[in-house]
PDB file of all heavy atoms in Angstrom:
ATOM      1  N   PRO A   1     105.253  75.992  79.595  1.00  0.00           N
ATOM      2  CA  PRO A   1     105.483  76.506  81.019  1.00  0.00           C
ATOM      3  C   PRO A   1     105.534  78.013  81.119  1.00  0.00           C
ATOM      4  O   PRO A   1     105.331  78.527  82.257  1.00  0.00           O
ATOM      5  CB  PRO A   1     106.818  75.875  81.533  1.00  0.00           C
ATOM      6  CG  PRO A   1     107.205  75.019  80.346  1.00  0.00           C
ATOM      7  CD  PRO A   1     106.492  75.446  79.129  1.00  0.00           C
ATOM      8  N   LEU A   2     105.710  78.749  80.012  1.00  0.00           N
ATOM      9  CA  LEU A   2     105.801  80.193  80.047  1.00  0.00           C
ATOM     10  C   LEU A   2     104.642  80.873  80.742  1.00  0.00           C
ATOM     11  O   LEU A   2     104.955  81.693  81.690  1.00  0.00           O
ATOM     12  CB  LEU A   2     106.110  80.754  78.741  1.00  0.00           C
ATOM     13  CG  LEU A   2     107.449  80.134  78.097  1.00  0.00           C
ATOM     14  CD1 LEU A   2     107.653  80.899  76.755  1.00  0.00           C
ATOM     15  CD2 LEU A   2     108.661  80.514  78.984  1.00  0.00           C
ATOM     16  N   PRO A   3     103.443  80.655  80.332  1.00  0.00           N
ATOM     17  CA  PRO A   3     102.369  81.406  80.947  1.00  0.00           C
ATOM     18  C   PRO A   3     102.188  80.991  82.399  1.00  0.00           C
ATOM     19  O   PRO A   3     101.829  81.891  83.289  1.00  0.00           O
ATOM     20  CB  PRO A   3     101.061  80.993  80.030  1.00  0.00           C
ATOM     21  CG  PRO A   3     101.491  79.837  79.405  1.00  0.00           C
ATOM     22  CD  PRO A   3     102.820  79.828  79.166  1.00  0.00           C
ATOM     23  N   TRP A   4     102.478  79.713  82.841  1.00  0.00           N
ATOM     24  CA  TRP A   4     102.379  79.345  84.170  1.00  0.00           C
ATOM     25  C   TRP A   4     103.364  80.121  84.942  1.00  0.00           C
ATOM     26  O   TRP A   4     103.076  80.545  86.083  1.00  0.00           O
ATOM     27  CB  TRP A   4     102.657  77.800  84.210  1.00  0.00           C
ATOM     28  CG  TRP A   4     102.626  77.370  85.697  1.00  0.00           C
ATOM     29  CD1 TRP A   4     101.566  76.938  86.386  1.00  0.00           C
ATOM     30  CD2 TRP A   4     103.760  77.168  86.515  1.00  0.00           C
ATOM     31  NE1 TRP A   4     101.912  76.516  87.671  1.00  0.00           N
ATOM     32  CE2 TRP A   4     103.316  76.695  87.723  1.00  0.00           C
ATOM     33  CE3 TRP A   4     105.157  77.410  86.329  1.00  0.00           C
ATOM     34  CZ2 TRP A   4     104.185  76.416  88.845  1.00  0.00           C
ATOM     35  CZ3 TRP A   4     106.060  77.180  87.419  1.00  0.00           C
ATOM     36  CH2 TRP A   4     105.466  76.747  88.618  1.00  0.00           C
ATOM     37  N   TYR A   5     104.630  80.189  84.414  1.00  0.00           N
ATOM     38  CA  TYR A   5     105.715  80.853  85.150  1.00  0.00           C
ATOM     39  C   TYR A   5     105.453  82.400  85.337  1.00  0.00           C
ATOM     40  O   TYR A   5     105.527  82.941  86.503  1.00  0.00           O
ATOM     41  CB  TYR A   5     106.990  80.717  84.394  1.00  0.00           C
ATOM     42  CG  TYR A   5     108.140  81.459  84.920  1.00  0.00           C
ATOM     43  CD1 TYR A   5     108.862  81.108  86.032  1.00  0.00           C
ATOM     44  CD2 TYR A   5     108.587  82.848  84.330  1.00  0.00           C
ATOM     45  CE1 TYR A   5     109.892  81.806  86.626  1.00  0.00           C
ATOM     46  CE2 TYR A   5     109.595  83.500  84.970  1.00  0.00           C
ATOM     47  CZ  TYR A   5     110.251  83.027  86.108  1.00  0.00           C
ATOM     48  OH  TYR A   5     111.228  83.765  86.587  1.00  0.00           O
ATOM     49  N   VAL A   6     104.774  83.114  84.365  1.00  0.00           N
ATOM     50  CA  VAL A   6     104.364  84.439  84.396  1.00  0.00           C
ATOM     51  C   VAL A   6     103.415  84.575  85.556  1.00  0.00           C
ATOM     52  O   VAL A   6     103.524  85.545  86.431  1.00  0.00           O
ATOM     53  CB  VAL A   6     103.913  84.998  83.117  1.00  0.00           C
ATOM     54  CG1 VAL A   6     103.256  86.405  83.316  1.00  0.00           C
ATOM     55  CG2 VAL A   6     104.988  85.061  82.131  1.00  0.00           C
ATOM     56  N   GLY A   7     102.293  83.700  85.534  1.00  0.00           N
ATOM     57  CA  GLY A   7     101.243  83.718  86.524  1.00  0.00           C
ATOM     58  C   GLY A   7     101.834  83.564  87.937  1.00  0.00           C
ATOM     59  O   GLY A   7     101.385  84.240  88.904  1.00  0.00           O
ATOM     60  N   ARG A   8     102.793  82.609  87.998  1.00  0.00           N
ATOM     61  CA  ARG A   8     103.442  82.326  89.369  1.00  0.00           C
ATOM     62  C   ARG A   8     104.213  83.543  89.904  1.00  0.00           C
ATOM     63  O   ARG A   8     104.176  83.839  91.119  1.00  0.00           O
ATOM     64  CB  ARG A   8     104.224  80.999  89.207  1.00  0.00           C
ATOM     65  CG  ARG A   8     104.346  80.267  90.512  1.00  0.00           C
ATOM     66  CD  ARG A   8     103.033  79.825  91.028  1.00  0.00           C
ATOM     67  NE  ARG A   8     103.003  79.447  92.424  1.00  0.00           N
ATOM     68  CZ  ARG A   8     101.911  79.156  93.157  1.00  0.00           C
ATOM     69  NH1 ARG A   8     100.774  79.150  92.477  1.00  0.00           N
ATOM     70  NH2 ARG A   8     101.984  78.847  94.328  1.00  0.00           N
ATOM     71  N   ARG A   9     104.941  84.134  89.009  1.00  0.00           N
ATOM     72  CA  ARG A   9     105.727  85.252  89.465  1.00  0.00           C
ATOM     73  C   ARG A   9     104.824  86.428  89.975  1.00  0.00           C
ATOM     74  O   ARG A   9     105.112  87.118  90.966  1.00  0.00           O
ATOM     75  CB  ARG A   9     106.575  85.763  88.298  1.00  0.00           C
ATOM     76  CG  ARG A   9     107.659  84.834  87.840  1.00  0.00           C
ATOM     77  CD  ARG A   9     108.584  84.578  89.007  1.00  0.00           C
ATOM     78  NE  ARG A   9     109.246  85.798  89.496  1.00  0.00           N
ATOM     79  CZ  ARG A   9     110.014  85.767  90.633  1.00  0.00           C
ATOM     80  NH1 ARG A   9     110.206  84.678  91.268  1.00  0.00           N
ATOM     81  NH2 ARG A   9     110.561  86.919  91.103  1.00  0.00           N
ATOM     82  N   ILE A  10     103.788  86.615  89.237  1.00  0.00           N
ATOM     83  CA  ILE A  10     102.843  87.609  89.689  1.00  0.00           C
ATOM     84  C   ILE A  10     102.159  87.222  91.022  1.00  0.00           C
ATOM     85  O   ILE A  10     102.028  88.120  91.959  1.00  0.00           O
ATOM     86  CB  ILE A  10     101.612  87.893  88.676  1.00  0.00           C
ATOM     87  CG1 ILE A  10     102.206  88.457  87.467  1.00  0.00           C
ATOM     88  CG2 ILE A  10     100.544  88.722  89.235  1.00  0.00           C
ATOM     89  CD1 ILE A  10     101.311  88.649  86.315  1.00  0.00           C
ATOM     90  N   ARG A  11     101.967  85.916  91.205  1.00  0.00           N
ATOM     91  CA  ARG A  11     101.383  85.434  92.521  1.00  0.00           C
ATOM     92  C   ARG A  11     102.367  85.682  93.610  1.00  0.00           C
ATOM     93  O   ARG A  11     101.948  86.205  94.684  1.00  0.00           O
ATOM     94  CB  ARG A  11     101.072  83.935  92.367  1.00  0.00           C
ATOM     95  CG  ARG A  11     100.953  83.204  93.606  1.00  0.00           C
ATOM     96  CD  ARG A  11      99.426  83.054  93.968  1.00  0.00           C
ATOM     97  NE  ARG A  11      99.260  82.971  95.392  1.00  0.00           N
ATOM     98  CZ  ARG A  11      98.073  82.754  95.924  1.00  0.00           C
ATOM     99  NH1 ARG A  11      97.022  82.525  95.137  1.00  0.00           N
ATOM    100  NH2 ARG A  11      97.922  82.566  97.212  1.00  0.00           N
ATOM    101  N   ILE A  12     103.618  85.456  93.389  1.00  0.00           N
ATOM    102  CA  ILE A  12     104.764  85.595  94.343  1.00  0.00           C
ATOM    103  C   ILE A  12     104.808  87.004  94.799  1.00  0.00           C
ATOM    104  O   ILE A  12     104.860  87.461  96.015  1.00  0.00           O
ATOM    105  CB  ILE A  12     105.963  85.038  93.953  1.00  0.00           C
ATOM    106  CG1 ILE A  12     105.895  83.404  93.815  1.00  0.00           C
ATOM    107  CG2 ILE A  12     107.185  85.418  94.878  1.00  0.00           C
ATOM    108  CD1 ILE A  12     107.077  82.779  93.191  1.00  0.00           C
ATOM    109  N   ARG A  13     104.785  87.924  93.786  1.00  0.00           N
ATOM    110  CA  ARG A  13     104.913  89.332  94.030  1.00  0.00           C
ATOM    111  C   ARG A  13     103.694  89.869  94.744  1.00  0.00           C
ATOM    112  O   ARG A  13     103.867  90.658  95.828  1.00  0.00           O
ATOM    113  CB  ARG A  13     105.141  90.078  92.672  1.00  0.00           C
ATOM    114  CG  ARG A  13     106.425  89.894  92.058  1.00  0.00           C
ATOM    115  CD  ARG A  13     106.473  90.606  90.675  1.00  0.00           C
ATOM    116  NE  ARG A  13     106.269  92.110  90.865  1.00  0.00           N
ATOM    117  CZ  ARG A  13     106.260  92.903  89.899  1.00  0.00           C
ATOM    118  NH1 ARG A  13     106.379  92.507  88.737  1.00  0.00           N
ATOM    119  NH2 ARG A  13     106.074  94.240  90.141  1.00  0.00           N
ATOM    120  N   ALA A  14     102.519  89.446  94.423  1.00  0.00           N
ATOM    121  CA  ALA A  14     101.346  89.856  95.155  1.00  0.00           C
ATOM    122  C   ALA A  14     101.380  89.432  96.612  1.00  0.00           C
ATOM    123  O   ALA A  14     100.905  90.107  97.522  1.00  0.00           O
ATOM    124  CB  ALA A  14     100.063  89.398  94.427  1.00  0.00           C
ATOM    125  N   ASP A  15     101.736  88.157  96.776  1.00  0.00           N
ATOM    126  CA  ASP A  15     101.835  87.585  98.203  1.00  0.00           C
ATOM    127  C   ASP A  15     102.804  88.400  99.005  1.00  0.00           C
ATOM    128  O   ASP A  15     102.555  88.740 100.203  1.00  0.00           O
ATOM    129  CB  ASP A  15     102.204  86.145  98.204  1.00  0.00           C
ATOM    130  CG  ASP A  15     101.002  85.303  97.726  1.00  0.00           C
ATOM    131  OD1 ASP A  15      99.890  85.699  97.733  1.00  0.00           O
ATOM    132  OD2 ASP A  15     101.318  84.041  97.391  1.00  0.00           O
ATOM    133  N   ALA A  16     103.981  88.725  98.374  1.00  0.00           N
ATOM    134  CA  ALA A  16     104.962  89.487  99.178  1.00  0.00           C
ATOM    135  C   ALA A  16     104.491  90.851  99.436  1.00  0.00           C
ATOM    136  O   ALA A  16     104.730  91.362 100.620  1.00  0.00           O
ATOM    137  CB  ALA A  16     106.280  89.565  98.362  1.00  0.00           C
ATOM    138  N   ALA A  17     103.762  91.559  98.524  1.00  0.00           N
ATOM    139  CA  ALA A  17     103.188  92.813  98.836  1.00  0.00           C
ATOM    140  C   ALA A  17     102.165  92.813  99.967  1.00  0.00           C
ATOM    141  O   ALA A  17     102.180  93.754 100.817  1.00  0.00           O
ATOM    142  CB  ALA A  17     102.656  93.373  97.498  1.00  0.00           C
ATOM    143  N   ARG A  18     101.415  91.749 100.004  1.00  0.00           N
ATOM    144  CA  ARG A  18     100.335  91.649 100.926  1.00  0.00           C
ATOM    145  C   ARG A  18     100.945  91.353 102.298  1.00  0.00           C
ATOM    146  O   ARG A  18     100.592  91.948 103.292  1.00  0.00           O
ATOM    147  CB  ARG A  18      99.407  90.491 100.624  1.00  0.00           C
ATOM    148  CG  ARG A  18      98.228  90.343 101.616  1.00  0.00           C
ATOM    149  CD  ARG A  18      97.239  89.220 101.245  1.00  0.00           C
ATOM    150  NE  ARG A  18      97.826  87.965 101.365  1.00  0.00           N
ATOM    151  CZ  ARG A  18      98.103  87.222 100.293  1.00  0.00           C
ATOM    152  NH1 ARG A  18      97.950  87.625  99.037  1.00  0.00           N
ATOM    153  NH2 ARG A  18      98.760  85.998 100.414  1.00  0.00           N
ATOM    154  N   GLU A  19     102.002  90.570 102.317  1.00  0.00           N
ATOM    155  CA  GLU A  19     102.701  90.259 103.651  1.00  0.00           C
ATOM    156  C   GLU A  19     103.364  91.567 104.110  1.00  0.00           C
ATOM    157  O   GLU A  19     103.308  91.861 105.321  1.00  0.00           O
ATOM    158  CB  GLU A  19     103.710  89.212 103.466  1.00  0.00           C
ATOM    159  CG  GLU A  19     103.152  87.868 103.173  1.00  0.00           C
ATOM    160  CD  GLU A  19     104.230  86.830 102.827  1.00  0.00           C
ATOM    161  OE1 GLU A  19     105.466  87.208 102.912  1.00  0.00           O
ATOM    162  OE2 GLU A  19     103.866  85.658 102.729  1.00  0.00           O
ATOM    163  N   ARG A  20     103.900  92.406 103.289  1.00  0.00           N
ATOM    164  CA  ARG A  20     104.530  93.673 103.614  1.00  0.00           C
ATOM    165  C   ARG A  20     103.485  94.542 104.268  1.00  0.00           C
ATOM    166  O   ARG A  20     103.667  95.286 105.322  1.00  0.00           O
ATOM    167  CB  ARG A  20     105.281  94.384 102.547  1.00  0.00           C
ATOM    168  CG  ARG A  20     106.568  93.729 102.162  1.00  0.00           C
ATOM    169  CD  ARG A  20     107.449  94.616 101.308  1.00  0.00           C
ATOM    170  NE  ARG A  20     106.701  94.876  99.995  1.00  0.00           N
ATOM    171  CZ  ARG A  20     106.834  94.085  98.985  1.00  0.00           C
ATOM    172  NH1 ARG A  20     107.665  93.144  98.933  1.00  0.00           N
ATOM    173  NH2 ARG A  20     106.224  94.493  97.859  1.00  0.00           N
ATOM    174  N   SER A  21     102.286  94.642 103.659  1.00  0.00           N
ATOM    175  CA  SER A  21     101.190  95.465 104.061  1.00  0.00           C
ATOM    176  C   SER A  21     100.726  95.003 105.397  1.00  0.00           C
ATOM    177  O   SER A  21     100.468  95.805 106.261  1.00  0.00           O
ATOM    178  CB  SER A  21     100.127  95.458 102.967  1.00  0.00           C
ATOM    179  OG  SER A  21      99.000  96.221 103.471  1.00  0.00           O
ATOM    180  N   GLU A  22     100.555  93.716 105.531  1.00  0.00           N
ATOM    181  CA  GLU A  22     100.054  93.218 106.850  1.00  0.00           C
ATOM    182  C   GLU A  22     101.138  93.504 108.009  1.00  0.00           C
ATOM    183  O   GLU A  22     100.707  93.814 109.101  1.00  0.00           O
ATOM    184  CB  GLU A  22      99.845  91.597 106.720  1.00  0.00           C
ATOM    185  CG  GLU A  22      98.637  91.379 105.836  1.00  0.00           C
ATOM    186  CD  GLU A  22      98.518  89.865 105.655  1.00  0.00           C
ATOM    187  OE1 GLU A  22      99.375  89.094 106.067  1.00  0.00           O
ATOM    188  OE2 GLU A  22      97.485  89.404 105.168  1.00  0.00           O
ATOM    189  N   HIS A  23     102.351  93.421 107.518  1.00  0.00           N
ATOM    190  CA  HIS A  23     103.386  93.684 108.665  1.00  0.00           C
ATOM    191  C   HIS A  23     103.350  95.123 109.022  1.00  0.00           C
ATOM    192  O   HIS A  23     103.567  95.447 110.188  1.00  0.00           O
ATOM    193  CB  HIS A  23     104.813  93.261 108.058  1.00  0.00           C
ATOM    194  CG  HIS A  23     105.992  93.674 109.029  1.00  0.00           C
ATOM    195  ND1 HIS A  23     106.234  92.965 110.165  1.00  0.00           N
ATOM    196  CD2 HIS A  23     106.901  94.682 108.881  1.00  0.00           C
ATOM    197  CE1 HIS A  23     107.205  93.491 110.841  1.00  0.00           C
ATOM    198  NE2 HIS A  23     107.646  94.535 110.035  1.00  0.00           N
ATOM    199  N   LEU A  24     103.182  95.971 108.140  1.00  0.00           N
ATOM    200  CA  LEU A  24     103.185  97.451 108.389  1.00  0.00           C
ATOM    201  C   LEU A  24     101.957  97.802 109.175  1.00  0.00           C
ATOM    202  O   LEU A  24     102.040  98.596 110.130  1.00  0.00           O
ATOM    203  CB  LEU A  24     103.241  98.264 107.101  1.00  0.00           C
ATOM    204  CG  LEU A  24     104.556  98.233 106.304  1.00  0.00           C
ATOM    205  CD1 LEU A  24     104.297  99.093 105.008  1.00  0.00           C
ATOM    206  CD2 LEU A  24     105.597  98.941 107.091  1.00  0.00           C
ATOM    207  N   GLU A  25     100.824  97.073 108.900  1.00  0.00           N
ATOM    208  CA  GLU A  25      99.567  97.412 109.643  1.00  0.00           C
ATOM    209  C   GLU A  25      99.810  96.875 111.044  1.00  0.00           C
ATOM    210  O   GLU A  25      99.370  97.541 111.994  1.00  0.00           O
ATOM    211  CB  GLU A  25      98.449  96.553 109.014  1.00  0.00           C
ATOM    212  CG  GLU A  25      97.097  96.812 109.636  1.00  0.00           C
ATOM    213  CD  GLU A  25      96.000  96.154 108.866  1.00  0.00           C
ATOM    214  OE1 GLU A  25      96.193  95.750 107.825  1.00  0.00           O
ATOM    215  OE2 GLU A  25      94.940  96.132 109.479  1.00  0.00           O
ATOM    216  N   TRP A  26     100.445  95.702 111.291  1.00  0.00           N
ATOM    217  CA  TRP A  26     100.691  95.198 112.642  1.00  0.00           C
ATOM    218  C   TRP A  26     101.568  96.039 113.318  1.00  0.00           C
ATOM    219  O   TRP A  26     101.455  96.383 114.515  1.00  0.00           O
ATOM    220  CB  TRP A  26     101.261  93.828 112.442  1.00  0.00           C
ATOM    221  CG  TRP A  26     101.761  93.288 113.806  1.00  0.00           C
ATOM    222  CD1 TRP A  26     101.074  92.627 114.785  1.00  0.00           C
ATOM    223  CD2 TRP A  26     103.039  93.325 114.407  1.00  0.00           C
ATOM    224  NE1 TRP A  26     101.800  92.230 115.912  1.00  0.00           N
ATOM    225  CE2 TRP A  26     103.069  92.730 115.639  1.00  0.00           C
ATOM    226  CE3 TRP A  26     104.233  93.924 113.880  1.00  0.00           C
ATOM    227  CZ2 TRP A  26     104.262  92.712 116.329  1.00  0.00           C
ATOM    228  CZ3 TRP A  26     105.457  93.830 114.631  1.00  0.00           C
ATOM    229  CH2 TRP A  26     105.352  93.148 115.865  1.00  0.00           C
ATOM    230  N   LYS A  27     102.658  96.589 112.721  1.00  0.00           N
ATOM    231  CA  LYS A  27     103.555  97.557 113.328  1.00  0.00           C
ATOM    232  C   LYS A  27     102.948  98.828 113.759  1.00  0.00           C
ATOM    233  O   LYS A  27     103.172  99.266 114.869  1.00  0.00           O
ATOM    234  CB  LYS A  27     104.774  97.840 112.354  1.00  0.00           C
ATOM    235  CG  LYS A  27     105.831  98.512 113.045  1.00  0.00           C
ATOM    236  CD  LYS A  27     106.978  98.756 111.888  1.00  0.00           C
ATOM    237  CE  LYS A  27     108.198  99.504 112.507  1.00  0.00           C
ATOM    238  NZ  LYS A  27     109.319  99.709 111.561  1.00  0.00           N
ATOM    239  N   ARG A  28     101.993  99.352 112.879  1.00  0.00           N
ATOM    240  CA  ARG A  28     101.409 100.622 113.245  1.00  0.00           C
ATOM    241  C   ARG A  28     100.418 100.280 114.497  1.00  0.00           C
ATOM    242  O   ARG A  28     100.357 101.144 115.387  1.00  0.00           O
ATOM    243  CB  ARG A  28     100.590 101.098 111.995  1.00  0.00           C
ATOM    244  CG  ARG A  28     101.396 101.831 111.047  1.00  0.00           C
ATOM    245  CD  ARG A  28     100.592 102.632 110.092  1.00  0.00           C
ATOM    246  NE  ARG A  28      99.594 101.654 109.295  1.00  0.00           N
ATOM    247  CZ  ARG A  28      99.869 101.160 108.148  1.00  0.00           C
ATOM    248  NH1 ARG A  28     101.015 101.531 107.530  1.00  0.00           N
ATOM    249  NH2 ARG A  28      99.072 100.348 107.566  1.00  0.00           N
ATOM    250  N   ALA A  29      99.778  99.165 114.520  1.00  0.00           N
ATOM    251  CA  ALA A  29      98.867  98.905 115.589  1.00  0.00           C
ATOM    252  C   ALA A  29      99.711  98.623 116.857  1.00  0.00           C
ATOM    253  O   ALA A  29      99.242  99.129 117.946  1.00  0.00           O
ATOM    254  CB  ALA A  29      98.056  97.548 115.344  1.00  0.00           C
ATOM    255  N   ALA A  30     100.794  97.954 116.816  1.00  0.00           N
ATOM    256  CA  ALA A  30     101.654  97.815 117.930  1.00  0.00           C
ATOM    257  C   ALA A  30     102.183  99.189 118.483  1.00  0.00           C
ATOM    258  O   ALA A  30     102.241  99.462 119.699  1.00  0.00           O
ATOM    259  CB  ALA A  30     102.848  96.854 117.655  1.00  0.00           C
ATOM    260  N   GLU A  31     102.610 100.053 117.579  1.00  0.00           N
ATOM    261  CA  GLU A  31     103.066 101.400 118.053  1.00  0.00           C
ATOM    262  C   GLU A  31     101.940 102.148 118.683  1.00  0.00           C
ATOM    263  O   GLU A  31     102.193 102.928 119.633  1.00  0.00           O
ATOM    264  CB  GLU A  31     103.664 102.101 116.789  1.00  0.00           C
ATOM    265  CG  GLU A  31     105.016 101.495 116.297  1.00  0.00           C
ATOM    266  CD  GLU A  31     105.439 102.229 115.115  1.00  0.00           C
ATOM    267  OE1 GLU A  31     104.672 103.062 114.487  1.00  0.00           O
ATOM    268  OE2 GLU A  31     106.592 101.954 114.647  1.00  0.00           O
ATOM    269  N   ALA A  32     100.728 102.016 118.046  1.00  0.00           N
ATOM    270  CA  ALA A  32      99.663 102.720 118.755  1.00  0.00           C
ATOM    271  C   ALA A  32      99.286 102.294 120.068  1.00  0.00           C
ATOM    272  O   ALA A  32      99.067 103.008 121.075  1.00  0.00           O
ATOM    273  CB  ALA A  32      98.326 102.630 117.828  1.00  0.00           C
ATOM    274  N   GLN A  33      99.405 100.953 120.287  1.00  0.00           N
ATOM    275  CA  GLN A  33      99.126 100.367 121.646  1.00  0.00           C
ATOM    276  C   GLN A  33     100.212 100.792 122.605  1.00  0.00           C
ATOM    277  O   GLN A  33      99.944 101.150 123.759  1.00  0.00           O
ATOM    278  CB  GLN A  33      99.059  98.829 121.507  1.00  0.00           C
ATOM    279  CG  GLN A  33      97.817  98.212 120.742  1.00  0.00           C
ATOM    280  CD  GLN A  33      96.572  98.480 121.527  1.00  0.00           C
ATOM    281  OE1 GLN A  33      96.655  98.599 122.801  1.00  0.00           O
ATOM    282  NE2 GLN A  33      95.509  98.724 120.846  1.00  0.00           N
ATOM    283  N   ARG A  34     101.458 100.828 122.135  1.00  0.00           N
ATOM    284  CA  ARG A  34     102.526 101.237 122.998  1.00  0.00           C
ATOM    285  C   ARG A  34     102.324 102.761 123.417  1.00  0.00           C
ATOM    286  O   ARG A  34     102.659 103.107 124.578  1.00  0.00           O
ATOM    287  CB  ARG A  34     103.968 101.067 122.225  1.00  0.00           C
ATOM    288  CG  ARG A  34     105.084 101.206 123.147  1.00  0.00           C
ATOM    289  CD  ARG A  34     106.354 100.576 122.565  1.00  0.00           C
ATOM    290  NE  ARG A  34     106.505 100.881 121.112  1.00  0.00           N
ATOM    291  CZ  ARG A  34     106.372 100.014 120.238  1.00  0.00           C
ATOM    292  NH1 ARG A  34     106.132  98.734 120.455  1.00  0.00           N
ATOM    293  NH2 ARG A  34     106.691 100.464 119.046  1.00  0.00           N
ATOM    294  N   ALA A  35     102.003 103.553 122.481  1.00  0.00           N
ATOM    295  CA  ALA A  35     101.799 104.917 122.755  1.00  0.00           C
ATOM    296  C   ALA A  35     100.653 105.158 123.794  1.00  0.00           C
ATOM    297  O   ALA A  35     100.780 105.978 124.735  1.00  0.00           O
ATOM    298  CB  ALA A  35     101.407 105.784 121.532  1.00  0.00           C
ATOM    299  N   ILE A  36      99.506 104.346 123.635  1.00  0.00           N
ATOM    300  CA  ILE A  36      98.454 104.397 124.626  1.00  0.00           C
ATOM    301  C   ILE A  36      98.956 103.874 125.987  1.00  0.00           C
ATOM    302  O   ILE A  36      98.578 104.537 126.963  1.00  0.00           O
ATOM    303  CB  ILE A  36      97.243 103.549 124.059  1.00  0.00           C
ATOM    304  CG1 ILE A  36      96.678 104.183 122.758  1.00  0.00           C
ATOM    305  CG2 ILE A  36      96.184 103.413 125.151  1.00  0.00           C
ATOM    306  CD1 ILE A  36      95.609 103.182 122.177  1.00  0.00           C
ATOM    307  N   ALA A  37      99.661 102.785 125.989  1.00  0.00           N
ATOM    308  CA  ALA A  37     100.238 102.307 127.246  1.00  0.00           C
ATOM    309  C   ALA A  37     101.141 103.388 127.896  1.00  0.00           C
ATOM    310  O   ALA A  37     101.067 103.650 129.084  1.00  0.00           O
ATOM    311  CB  ALA A  37     100.998 101.114 127.072  1.00  0.00           C
ATOM    312  N   ASP A  38     101.977 104.051 127.120  1.00  0.00           N
ATOM    313  CA  ASP A  38     102.859 105.106 127.616  1.00  0.00           C
ATOM    314  C   ASP A  38     102.083 106.301 128.223  1.00  0.00           C
ATOM    315  O   ASP A  38     102.422 106.855 129.294  1.00  0.00           O
ATOM    316  CB  ASP A  38     103.836 105.573 126.582  1.00  0.00           C
ATOM    317  CG  ASP A  38     104.877 104.487 126.187  1.00  0.00           C
ATOM    318  OD1 ASP A  38     105.042 103.547 126.985  1.00  0.00           O
ATOM    319  OD2 ASP A  38     105.459 104.626 125.054  1.00  0.00           O
ATOM    320  N   ALA A  39     100.966 106.699 127.480  1.00  0.00           N
ATOM    321  CA  ALA A  39     100.216 107.758 128.000  1.00  0.00           C
ATOM    322  C   ALA A  39      99.515 107.376 129.268  1.00  0.00           C
ATOM    323  O   ALA A  39      99.383 108.295 130.172  1.00  0.00           O
ATOM    324  CB  ALA A  39      99.188 108.073 126.930  1.00  0.00           C
ATOM    325  N   ARG A  40      99.064 106.165 129.379  1.00  0.00           N
ATOM    326  CA  ARG A  40      98.383 105.783 130.563  1.00  0.00           C
ATOM    327  C   ARG A  40      99.288 105.751 131.763  1.00  0.00           C
ATOM    328  O   ARG A  40      99.062 106.144 132.874  1.00  0.00           O
ATOM    329  CB  ARG A  40      97.725 104.417 130.412  1.00  0.00           C
ATOM    330  CG  ARG A  40      96.490 104.414 129.542  1.00  0.00           C
ATOM    331  CD  ARG A  40      96.045 103.102 129.274  1.00  0.00           C
ATOM    332  NE  ARG A  40      94.753 103.040 128.493  1.00  0.00           N
ATOM    333  CZ  ARG A  40      94.097 101.933 127.986  1.00  0.00           C
ATOM    334  NH1 ARG A  40      94.694 100.818 128.185  1.00  0.00           N
ATOM    335  NH2 ARG A  40      92.990 102.094 127.330  1.00  0.00           N
TER     336      ARG A  40
END
C-alpha cells in the first residue's frame, strides 16, 4: 500500500492547490466585476 498512499497524498495536495487557485481566480473576477459595477 505504500506507493499507493504516496500517490494518493500527492493527488490530494494537488487537488487542494487547484481548488485554492480556482477560488482565488473566482474571487479576483468577482472583485473586478464589483469594481466595474461601482465605477458605473
